[in-house]
Every structure is written in C-alpha cells, then in structure tokens.
C-alpha cells in the first residue's frame, strides 16, 4: 500500500526506515503492497490517485505535488458523518466498539467509493506497465479497503492481508500522535481523544472483520466489484496475471 501525508523528517519514527516502508522526504506511511507468494509490481510510480476530498486537501493545507513524469488524478471518496455534530457520535462509537464501528465505516465506504475504485482498477488493468500510488489522508481506511479488495482478488490469505495493511502497536504508538496533532484542531477530536486514537488505529482484527463483511454481505471482492464497477471476469484474470508471480 502507498499512503501519503506531510510530516517533518524529525517526527518520522525509526521503524519507517524498515521494509515494507519506502523512504520519501516529507512523507510518512508509504510502503509496498505485498511481499508474500503474490508479489505485486515493483515501485516505479507513473500515476498518483488521490482519494481525498477537496475539503480535506484545503483543511490540512496539503497541496497536490507537481512531479515531472507523474500524472495525479483526484478520485475523491468522502464518507458522510464527519461534520462537527455527526463526528461526536462517530467518535463515541469508536470509543466503545472499535471493530464494529470500523466494519460499518468500511461498508459505507464500499458504497460511496465504487466509482473511485473503478478508476484505479481500470488503470491497473489497462496500463499494467504504469505503476501507481494510491493515497488518502492516513493511508489506512480508503486506501486500505481498496488494497484489501485487490489482494482478495489476487488470492492473498486474510492473515497476510491483515499483516500487510495493518500497523503493529509499536509503530502506531509513534505514528498516531503525529496524526492526532492534525485532528485535535477540531473540538470533537480534542474532547474524545480515546475515540480519536481508536479511529486512527489500524488493527488486524478490524481488517479481518472487514474481509468477513465483504464476503458475507457482498459475496466477496469479485462479486462486489462486478456489481459496482466496470470490471469483468477477464479483468480479474488479467489482474492475477500481471500482479502475481508463478509459484
């Protein structure tokens, strides 16, 4: 998975220098997807897909970079329920039941992000020789669900998906304070730091529950994508051909 956010180099924890993370000046939580029996294409970014809304970009003053030879596409996937009033209720849910709240959030995301996901999947299918970077704000929710779908299509086990896309407690302990510094400017986050920290977490049990939800409610990744995007059987076959290595 690749995720982008601005951070001072002095704030970057040492663990970010270790695989699967990739060192990029001024950016944290950018890393390779994969590393298991299904190896994804090597990093060599030609296209960036930004899942953030214009409001997010303006709010956090994180301008879109201009990089020679790299195309940037905005494919916003913005959940409802993050206005000041609704956010209070959302944070209370994260404070009391992290797993179920993440599953509900990710199910909402599947419904509102299908067009954005379709654009990215089409790029991977139609232009496999142009590796892409996908990011949102924290690089774990919208980005995480996208790559969870992709890895499910590739046949990666649930345990490996969770291991690949989630953070361990040690890394979260250094990463979360950085992210919380941004969020706490909003009163709702400042008043419920436990809910805010839980919302910013990325625990394997939440991903495993999300994968189960995708299967039980949507019939699995391929069925969800068939119903909600332009992908067809031949596209899934091509994804597996271009993104995996023969055993």
C-alpha atoms as a PDB file:
ATOM      1  CA  UNK A   1       0.000   0.000   0.000  1.00  0.00           C
ATOM      2  CA  UNK A   2       1.132   3.552  -0.633  1.00  0.00           C
ATOM      3  CA  UNK A   3      -0.143   6.394   1.505  1.00  0.00           C
ATOM      4  CA  UNK A   4       0.967   9.990   1.667  1.00  0.00           C
ATOM      5  CA  UNK A   5       0.850  12.695   4.314  1.00  0.00           C
ATOM      6  CA  UNK A   6       3.085  15.580   5.283  1.00  0.00           C
ATOM      7  CA  UNK A   7       5.364  15.245   8.283  1.00  0.00           C
ATOM      8  CA  UNK A   8       8.609  16.710   9.482  1.00  0.00           C
ATOM      9  CA  UNK A   9      11.578  14.359   8.959  1.00  0.00           C
ATOM     10  CA  UNK A  10      12.374  14.763  12.655  1.00  0.00           C
ATOM     11  CA  UNK A  11       8.980  13.256  13.506  1.00  0.00           C
ATOM     12  CA  UNK A  12       9.496  10.115  11.420  1.00  0.00           C
ATOM     13  CA  UNK A  13       9.987   7.065  13.674  1.00  0.00           C
ATOM     14  CA  UNK A  14      12.940   4.776  13.029  1.00  0.00           C
ATOM     15  CA  UNK A  15      10.621   1.920  12.087  1.00  0.00           C
ATOM     16  CA  UNK A  16       9.668   3.829   8.929  1.00  0.00           C
ATOM     17  CA  UNK A  17      13.130   3.069   7.585  1.00  0.00           C
ATOM     18  CA  UNK A  18      12.375  -0.656   7.628  1.00  0.00           C
ATOM     19  CA  UNK A  19      10.535  -2.757   4.998  1.00  0.00           C
ATOM     20  CA  UNK A  20       7.838  -2.590   3.737  1.00  0.00           C
ATOM     21  CA  UNK A  21       8.069   1.186   4.172  1.00  0.00           C
ATOM     22  CA  UNK A  22       9.666   3.300   1.445  1.00  0.00           C
ATOM     23  CA  UNK A  23      11.633   6.407   2.379  1.00  0.00           C
ATOM     24  CA  UNK A  24      10.317   9.604   0.747  1.00  0.00           C
ATOM     25  CA  UNK A  25      11.295  13.013   2.142  1.00  0.00           C
ATOM     26  CA  UNK A  26       8.375  14.735   3.867  1.00  0.00           C
ATOM     27  CA  UNK A  27       6.025  11.753   3.646  1.00  0.00           C
ATOM     28  CA  UNK A  28       5.053   9.020   6.098  1.00  0.00           C
ATOM     29  CA  UNK A  29       3.243   5.693   5.723  1.00  0.00           C
ATOM     30  CA  UNK A  30       4.302   4.976   2.168  1.00  0.00           C
ATOM     31  CA  UNK A  31       5.023   1.330   1.557  1.00  0.00           C
ATOM     32  CA  UNK A  32       4.983  -1.562  -0.880  1.00  0.00           C
ATOM     33  CA  UNK A  33       1.918  -3.775  -1.087  1.00  0.00           C
ATOM     34  CA  UNK A  34       2.596  -7.481  -0.927  1.00  0.00           C
ATOM     35  CA  UNK A  35       5.746  -9.319  -0.081  1.00  0.00           C
ATOM     36  CA  UNK A  36       4.131 -12.761   0.055  1.00  0.00           C
ATOM     37  CA  UNK A  37       3.509 -15.502  -2.530  1.00  0.00           C
ATOM     38  CA  UNK A  38       1.600 -12.940  -4.605  1.00  0.00           C
ATOM     39  CA  UNK A  39       4.209 -10.330  -5.433  1.00  0.00           C
ATOM     40  CA  UNK A  40       2.968  -7.013  -6.781  1.00  0.00           C
ATOM     41  CA  UNK A  41       4.738  -4.996  -9.406  1.00  0.00           C
ATOM     42  CA  UNK A  42       7.844  -3.145  -8.260  1.00  0.00           C
ATOM     43  CA  UNK A  43       7.538   0.505  -7.260  1.00  0.00           C
ATOM     44  CA  UNK A  44       8.129   2.944 -10.100  1.00  0.00           C
ATOM     45  CA  UNK A  45       5.287   5.429  -9.824  1.00  0.00           C
ATOM     46  CA  UNK A  46       3.829   6.895 -13.028  1.00  0.00           C
ATOM     47  CA  UNK A  47       0.368   7.796 -11.745  1.00  0.00           C
ATOM     48  CA  UNK A  48      -0.946   9.031  -8.379  1.00  0.00           C
ATOM     49  CA  UNK A  49      -4.573   8.522  -7.326  1.00  0.00           C
ATOM     50  CA  UNK A  50      -5.695  10.840  -4.517  1.00  0.00           C
ATOM     51  CA  UNK A  51      -8.801   9.636  -2.652  1.00  0.00           C
ATOM     52  CA  UNK A  52      -9.102  12.789  -0.534  1.00  0.00           C
ATOM     53  CA  UNK A  53     -11.893  15.313  -0.982  1.00  0.00           C
ATOM     54  CA  UNK A  54     -11.119  18.911  -1.961  1.00  0.00           C
ATOM     55  CA  UNK A  55     -12.232  19.906   1.531  1.00  0.00           C
ATOM     56  CA  UNK A  56      -9.659  17.610   3.140  1.00  0.00           C
ATOM     57  CA  UNK A  57      -6.882  18.940   0.971  1.00  0.00           C
ATOM     58  CA  UNK A  58      -7.802  22.529   1.854  1.00  0.00           C
ATOM     59  CA  UNK A  59      -8.372  21.790   5.550  1.00  0.00           C
ATOM     60  CA  UNK A  60      -4.973  20.199   6.085  1.00  0.00           C
ATOM     61  CA  UNK A  61      -3.230  22.573   3.671  1.00  0.00           C
ATOM     62  CA  UNK A  62      -1.666  19.647   1.821  1.00  0.00           C
ATOM     63  CA  UNK A  63      -1.302  20.800  -1.743  1.00  0.00           C
ATOM     64  CA  UNK A  64      -1.086  18.273  -4.545  1.00  0.00           C
ATOM     65  CA  UNK A  65       2.534  17.953  -5.651  1.00  0.00           C
ATOM     66  CA  UNK A  66       3.589  18.507  -9.219  1.00  0.00           C
ATOM     67  CA  UNK A  67       6.061  15.805 -10.231  1.00  0.00           C
ATOM     68  CA  UNK A  68       7.551  15.640 -13.696  1.00  0.00           C
ATOM     69  CA  UNK A  69       6.546  12.465 -15.446  1.00  0.00           C
ATOM     70  CA  UNK A  70       3.837  11.614 -12.883  1.00  0.00           C
ATOM     71  CA  UNK A  71       0.121  12.122 -13.507  1.00  0.00           C
ATOM     72  CA  UNK A  72      -2.068  12.977 -10.499  1.00  0.00           C
ATOM     73  CA  UNK A  73      -5.773  12.097 -10.574  1.00  0.00           C
ATOM     74  CA  UNK A  74      -8.231  13.178  -7.894  1.00  0.00           C
ATOM     75  CA  UNK A  75     -10.760  10.420  -7.263  1.00  0.00           C
ATOM     76  CA  UNK A  76     -12.421  11.615  -4.048  1.00  0.00           C
ATOM     77  CA  UNK A  77     -14.182   9.099  -1.832  1.00  0.00           C
ATOM     78  CA  UNK A  78     -15.610  11.029   1.094  1.00  0.00           C
ATOM     79  CA  UNK A  79     -17.711   9.430   3.798  1.00  0.00           C
ATOM     80  CA  UNK A  80     -20.634  11.187   5.401  1.00  0.00           C
ATOM     81  CA  UNK A  81     -20.840  11.659   9.138  1.00  0.00           C
ATOM     82  CA  UNK A  82     -17.729  13.732   9.701  1.00  0.00           C
ATOM     83  CA  UNK A  83     -19.421  17.095  10.116  1.00  0.00           C
ATOM     84  CA  UNK A  84     -18.929  18.564  13.613  1.00  0.00           C
ATOM     85  CA  UNK A  85     -22.219  17.207  15.016  1.00  0.00           C
ATOM     86  CA  UNK A  86     -22.087  13.734  13.478  1.00  0.00           C
ATOM     87  CA  UNK A  87     -18.414  13.375  14.336  1.00  0.00           C
ATOM     88  CA  UNK A  88     -19.215  13.412  18.052  1.00  0.00           C
ATOM     89  CA  UNK A  89     -21.442  10.343  17.631  1.00  0.00           C
ATOM     90  CA  UNK A  90     -18.912   8.653  15.349  1.00  0.00           C
ATOM     91  CA  UNK A  91     -16.141   9.103  17.908  1.00  0.00           C
ATOM     92  CA  UNK A  92     -18.352   7.748  20.695  1.00  0.00           C
ATOM     93  CA  UNK A  93     -18.820   4.602  18.612  1.00  0.00           C
ATOM     94  CA  UNK A  94     -15.074   4.288  18.124  1.00  0.00           C
ATOM     95  CA  UNK A  95     -14.575   4.731  21.852  1.00  0.00           C
ATOM     96  CA  UNK A  96     -16.891   1.860  22.789  1.00  0.00           C
ATOM     97  CA  UNK A  97     -16.713  -0.631  19.904  1.00  0.00           C
ATOM     98  CA  UNK A  98     -13.751  -0.256  17.572  1.00  0.00           C
ATOM     99  CA  UNK A  99     -14.203  -3.373  15.424  1.00  0.00           C
ATOM    100  CA  UNK A 100     -17.922  -2.988  14.669  1.00  0.00           C
ATOM    101  CA  UNK A 101     -17.532   0.721  14.013  1.00  0.00           C
ATOM    102  CA  UNK A 102     -14.737   0.100  11.504  1.00  0.00           C
ATOM    103  CA  UNK A 103     -16.786  -2.597   9.769  1.00  0.00           C
ATOM    104  CA  UNK A 104     -19.746  -0.206   9.465  1.00  0.00           C
ATOM    105  CA  UNK A 105     -17.464   2.574   8.233  1.00  0.00           C
ATOM    106  CA  UNK A 106     -15.819   0.330   5.646  1.00  0.00           C
ATOM    107  CA  UNK A 107     -19.186  -0.939   4.428  1.00  0.00           C
ATOM    108  CA  UNK A 108     -20.283   2.669   3.911  1.00  0.00           C
ATOM    109  CA  UNK A 109     -17.032   3.248   2.078  1.00  0.00           C
ATOM    110  CA  UNK A 110     -17.669   0.347  -0.302  1.00  0.00           C
ATOM    111  CA  UNK A 111     -20.905   2.024  -1.336  1.00  0.00           C
ATOM    112  CA  UNK A 112     -19.610   5.550  -1.893  1.00  0.00           C
ATOM    113  CA  UNK A 113     -16.154   4.758  -3.289  1.00  0.00           C
ATOM    114  CA  UNK A 114     -17.059   2.326  -6.071  1.00  0.00           C
ATOM    115  CA  UNK A 115     -16.561   4.909  -8.831  1.00  0.00           C
ATOM    116  CA  UNK A 116     -13.183   5.924  -7.401  1.00  0.00           C
ATOM    117  CA  UNK A 117     -12.138   2.303  -7.030  1.00  0.00           C
ATOM    118  CA  UNK A 118     -13.265   1.590 -10.589  1.00  0.00           C
ATOM    119  CA  UNK A 119     -10.997   4.333 -11.947  1.00  0.00           C
ATOM    120  CA  UNK A 120      -7.964   2.906 -10.133  1.00  0.00           C
ATOM    121  CA  UNK A 121      -8.702  -0.711 -11.017  1.00  0.00           C
ATOM    122  CA  UNK A 122      -9.170   0.253 -14.667  1.00  0.00           C
ATOM    123  CA  UNK A 123      -5.761   1.908 -14.658  1.00  0.00           C
ATOM    124  CA  UNK A 124      -4.119  -1.206 -13.238  1.00  0.00           C
ATOM    125  CA  UNK A 125      -5.892  -3.450 -15.755  1.00  0.00           C
ATOM    126  CA  UNK A 126      -5.440  -1.233 -18.803  1.00  0.00           C
ATOM    127  CA  UNK A 127      -1.985   0.172 -18.042  1.00  0.00           C
ATOM    128  CA  UNK A 128      -0.100  -2.510 -16.106  1.00  0.00           C
ATOM    129  CA  UNK A 129       3.222  -1.020 -17.175  1.00  0.00           C
ATOM    130  CA  UNK A 130       2.440   2.251 -15.338  1.00  0.00           C
ATOM    131  CA  UNK A 131       2.716   1.521 -11.571  1.00  0.00           C
ATOM    132  CA  UNK A 132       0.584   3.787  -9.443  1.00  0.00           C
ATOM    133  CA  UNK A 133       0.486   5.234  -5.948  1.00  0.00           C
ATOM    134  CA  UNK A 134      -2.860   5.344  -4.133  1.00  0.00           C
ATOM    135  CA  UNK A 135      -3.368   7.505  -1.064  1.00  0.00           C
ATOM    136  CA  UNK A 136      -5.884   9.223   1.163  1.00  0.00           C
ATOM    137  CA  UNK A 137      -5.156  11.138   4.378  1.00  0.00           C
ATOM    138  CA  UNK A 138      -3.961   8.443   6.781  1.00  0.00           C
ATOM    139  CA  UNK A 139      -3.389   5.738   4.164  1.00  0.00           C
ATOM    140  CA  UNK A 140      -5.296   3.047   6.040  1.00  0.00           C
ATOM    141  CA  UNK A 141      -9.071   3.346   5.554  1.00  0.00           C
ATOM    142  CA  UNK A 142      -9.990   4.267   1.984  1.00  0.00           C
ATOM    143  CA  UNK A 143      -6.577   3.180   0.736  1.00  0.00           C
ATOM    144  CA  UNK A 144      -6.709   0.101   2.943  1.00  0.00           C
ATOM    145  CA  UNK A 145     -10.117  -1.032   1.693  1.00  0.00           C
ATOM    146  CA  UNK A 146      -9.036  -0.563  -1.916  1.00  0.00           C
ATOM    147  CA  UNK A 147      -5.957  -2.718  -1.460  1.00  0.00           C
ATOM    148  CA  UNK A 148      -7.878  -5.254   0.607  1.00  0.00           C
ATOM    149  CA  UNK A 149     -10.169  -5.755  -2.399  1.00  0.00           C
ATOM    150  CA  UNK A 150      -7.196  -6.028  -4.732  1.00  0.00           C
ATOM    151  CA  UNK A 151      -5.385  -8.544  -2.540  1.00  0.00           C
ATOM    152  CA  UNK A 152      -8.568 -10.608  -2.149  1.00  0.00           C
ATOM    153  CA  UNK A 153      -8.857 -10.790  -5.942  1.00  0.00           C
ATOM    154  CA  UNK A 154      -5.239 -11.954  -6.081  1.00  0.00           C
ATOM    155  CA  UNK A 155      -5.978 -14.771  -3.655  1.00  0.00           C
ATOM    156  CA  UNK A 156      -3.920 -13.496  -0.708  1.00  0.00           C
ATOM    157  CA  UNK A 157      -4.934 -15.046   2.635  1.00  0.00           C
ATOM    158  CA  UNK A 158      -6.854 -12.976   5.164  1.00  0.00           C
ATOM    159  CA  UNK A 159      -3.997 -13.248   7.642  1.00  0.00           C
ATOM    160  CA  UNK A 160      -1.483 -11.908   5.130  1.00  0.00           C
ATOM    161  CA  UNK A 161      -3.821  -9.098   4.068  1.00  0.00           C
ATOM    162  CA  UNK A 162      -4.221  -8.023   7.683  1.00  0.00           C
ATOM    163  CA  UNK A 163      -0.491  -8.282   8.288  1.00  0.00           C
ATOM    164  CA  UNK A 164       0.292  -6.280   5.160  1.00  0.00           C
ATOM    165  CA  UNK A 165      -2.236  -3.487   5.641  1.00  0.00           C
ATOM    166  CA  UNK A 166      -2.356  -3.016   9.412  1.00  0.00           C
ATOM    167  CA  UNK A 167       0.018  -1.395  11.872  1.00  0.00           C
ATOM    168  CA  UNK A 168       1.526  -3.018  14.928  1.00  0.00           C
ATOM    169  CA  UNK A 169       1.135  -1.318  18.308  1.00  0.00           C
ATOM    170  CA  UNK A 170       4.730  -0.148  18.405  1.00  0.00           C
ATOM    171  CA  UNK A 171       4.503   1.705  15.125  1.00  0.00           C
ATOM    172  CA  UNK A 172       1.052   3.062  15.910  1.00  0.00           C
ATOM    173  CA  UNK A 173       2.443   4.458  19.139  1.00  0.00           C
ATOM    174  CA  UNK A 174       4.727   6.772  17.191  1.00  0.00           C
ATOM    175  CA  UNK A 175       2.547   7.379  14.141  1.00  0.00           C
ATOM    176  CA  UNK A 176      -0.748   8.167  15.882  1.00  0.00           C
ATOM    177  CA  UNK A 177       0.485  11.188  17.882  1.00  0.00           C
ATOM    178  CA  UNK A 178       1.601  12.761  14.599  1.00  0.00           C
ATOM    179  CA  UNK A 179      -1.801  12.218  13.019  1.00  0.00           C
ATOM    180  CA  UNK A 180      -3.620  13.301  16.171  1.00  0.00           C
ATOM    181  CA  UNK A 181      -1.756  16.614  16.146  1.00  0.00           C
ATOM    182  CA  UNK A 182      -3.629  17.367  12.944  1.00  0.00           C
ATOM    183  CA  UNK A 183      -7.005  16.119  14.084  1.00  0.00           C
ATOM    184  CA  UNK A 184      -7.072  17.707  17.530  1.00  0.00           C
ATOM    185  CA  UNK A 185      -7.609  21.137  15.978  1.00  0.00           C
ATOM    186  CA  UNK A 186     -11.238  20.042  15.648  1.00  0.00           C
ATOM    187  CA  UNK A 187     -13.048  20.248  19.026  1.00  0.00           C
ATOM    188  CA  UNK A 188     -14.720  16.829  18.673  1.00  0.00           C
ATOM    189  CA  UNK A 189     -11.354  15.075  18.442  1.00  0.00           C
ATOM    190  CA  UNK A 190      -9.896  17.056  21.318  1.00  0.00           C
ATOM    191  CA  UNK A 191     -12.862  16.218  23.567  1.00  0.00           C
ATOM    192  CA  UNK A 192     -12.709  12.482  22.869  1.00  0.00           C
ATOM    193  CA  UNK A 193      -9.037  11.549  22.484  1.00  0.00           C
ATOM    194  CA  UNK A 194      -9.737   7.841  23.102  1.00  0.00           C
ATOM    195  CA  UNK A 195     -12.286   7.727  20.302  1.00  0.00           C
ATOM    196  CA  UNK A 196      -9.945   9.730  18.073  1.00  0.00           C
ATOM    197  CA  UNK A 197      -6.995   7.419  18.718  1.00  0.00           C
ATOM    198  CA  UNK A 198      -9.175   4.351  18.125  1.00  0.00           C
ATOM    199  CA  UNK A 199     -10.424   5.860  14.873  1.00  0.00           C
ATOM    200  CA  UNK A 200      -6.831   6.433  13.832  1.00  0.00           C
ATOM    201  CA  UNK A 201      -5.784   2.896  14.673  1.00  0.00           C
ATOM    202  CA  UNK A 202      -5.333   0.081  12.170  1.00  0.00           C
ATOM    203  CA  UNK A 203      -5.632  -3.227  13.991  1.00  0.00           C
ATOM    204  CA  UNK A 204      -5.612  -6.647  12.301  1.00  0.00           C
ATOM    205  CA  UNK A 205      -8.887  -7.687  13.943  1.00  0.00           C
ATOM    206  CA  UNK A 206     -10.644  -4.753  12.275  1.00  0.00           C
ATOM    207  CA  UNK A 207      -9.320  -5.723   8.853  1.00  0.00           C
ATOM    208  CA  UNK A 208     -10.195  -9.389   9.388  1.00  0.00           C
ATOM    209  CA  UNK A 209     -13.745  -8.406  10.333  1.00  0.00           C
ATOM    210  CA  UNK A 210     -13.954  -6.187   7.252  1.00  0.00           C
ATOM    211  CA  UNK A 211     -12.851  -9.048   4.987  1.00  0.00           C
ATOM    212  CA  UNK A 212     -15.552 -11.237   6.528  1.00  0.00           C
ATOM    213  CA  UNK A 213     -18.122  -8.486   5.922  1.00  0.00           C
ATOM    214  CA  UNK A 214     -17.090  -8.226   2.259  1.00  0.00           C
ATOM    215  CA  UNK A 215     -17.680 -11.957   1.842  1.00  0.00           C
ATOM    216  CA  UNK A 216     -20.874 -12.247   3.874  1.00  0.00           C
ATOM    217  CA  UNK A 217     -22.631  -9.082   2.693  1.00  0.00           C
ATOM    218  CA  UNK A 218     -21.210  -8.575  -0.794  1.00  0.00           C
ATOM    219  CA  UNK A 219     -20.328 -12.108  -1.868  1.00  0.00           C
ATOM    220  CA  UNK A 220     -16.586 -11.447  -1.849  1.00  0.00           C
ATOM    221  CA  UNK A 221     -14.331  -8.937  -3.566  1.00  0.00           C
ATOM    222  CA  UNK A 222     -15.013 -10.091  -7.125  1.00  0.00           C
ATOM    223  CA  UNK A 223     -18.794 -10.079  -6.690  1.00  0.00           C
ATOM    224  CA  UNK A 224     -18.688  -6.627  -5.131  1.00  0.00           C
ATOM    225  CA  UNK A 225     -16.552  -5.317  -7.991  1.00  0.00           C
ATOM    226  CA  UNK A 226     -18.700  -6.948 -10.671  1.00  0.00           C
ATOM    227  CA  UNK A 227     -21.810  -5.290  -9.253  1.00  0.00           C
ATOM    228  CA  UNK A 228     -20.332  -1.873  -8.524  1.00  0.00           C
ATOM    229  CA  UNK A 229     -17.581  -1.290 -11.104  1.00  0.00           C
ATOM    230  CA  UNK A 230     -16.908  -1.998 -14.765  1.00  0.00           C
ATOM    231  CA  UNK A 231     -14.660  -4.997 -14.019  1.00  0.00           C
ATOM    232  CA  UNK A 232     -15.480  -8.317 -15.647  1.00  0.00           C
ATOM    233  CA  UNK A 233     -14.109 -11.849 -15.353  1.00  0.00           C
ATOM    234  CA  UNK A 234     -11.424 -11.192 -17.948  1.00  0.00           C
ATOM    235  CA  UNK A 235     -10.243  -8.175 -15.937  1.00  0.00           C
ATOM    236  CA  UNK A 236      -9.786 -10.260 -12.805  1.00  0.00           C
ATOM    237  CA  UNK A 237      -7.812 -12.797 -14.806  1.00  0.00           C
ATOM    238  CA  UNK A 238      -5.604 -10.028 -16.152  1.00  0.00           C
ATOM    239  CA  UNK A 239      -5.042  -8.621 -12.664  1.00  0.00           C
ATOM    240  CA  UNK A 240      -3.870 -12.007 -11.449  1.00  0.00           C
ATOM    241  CA  UNK A 241      -1.622 -12.396 -14.481  1.00  0.00           C
ATOM    242  CA  UNK A 242       0.118  -9.047 -14.254  1.00  0.00           C
ATOM    243  CA  UNK A 243       0.296  -8.688 -10.468  1.00  0.00           C
ATOM    244  CA  UNK A 244       1.396 -12.119  -9.318  1.00  0.00           C
ATOM    245  CA  UNK A 245       4.382 -14.327  -9.891  1.00  0.00           C
ATOM    246  CA  UNK A 246       4.078 -18.003 -10.745  1.00  0.00           C
ATOM    247  CA  UNK A 247       4.852 -20.256  -7.796  1.00  0.00           C
END
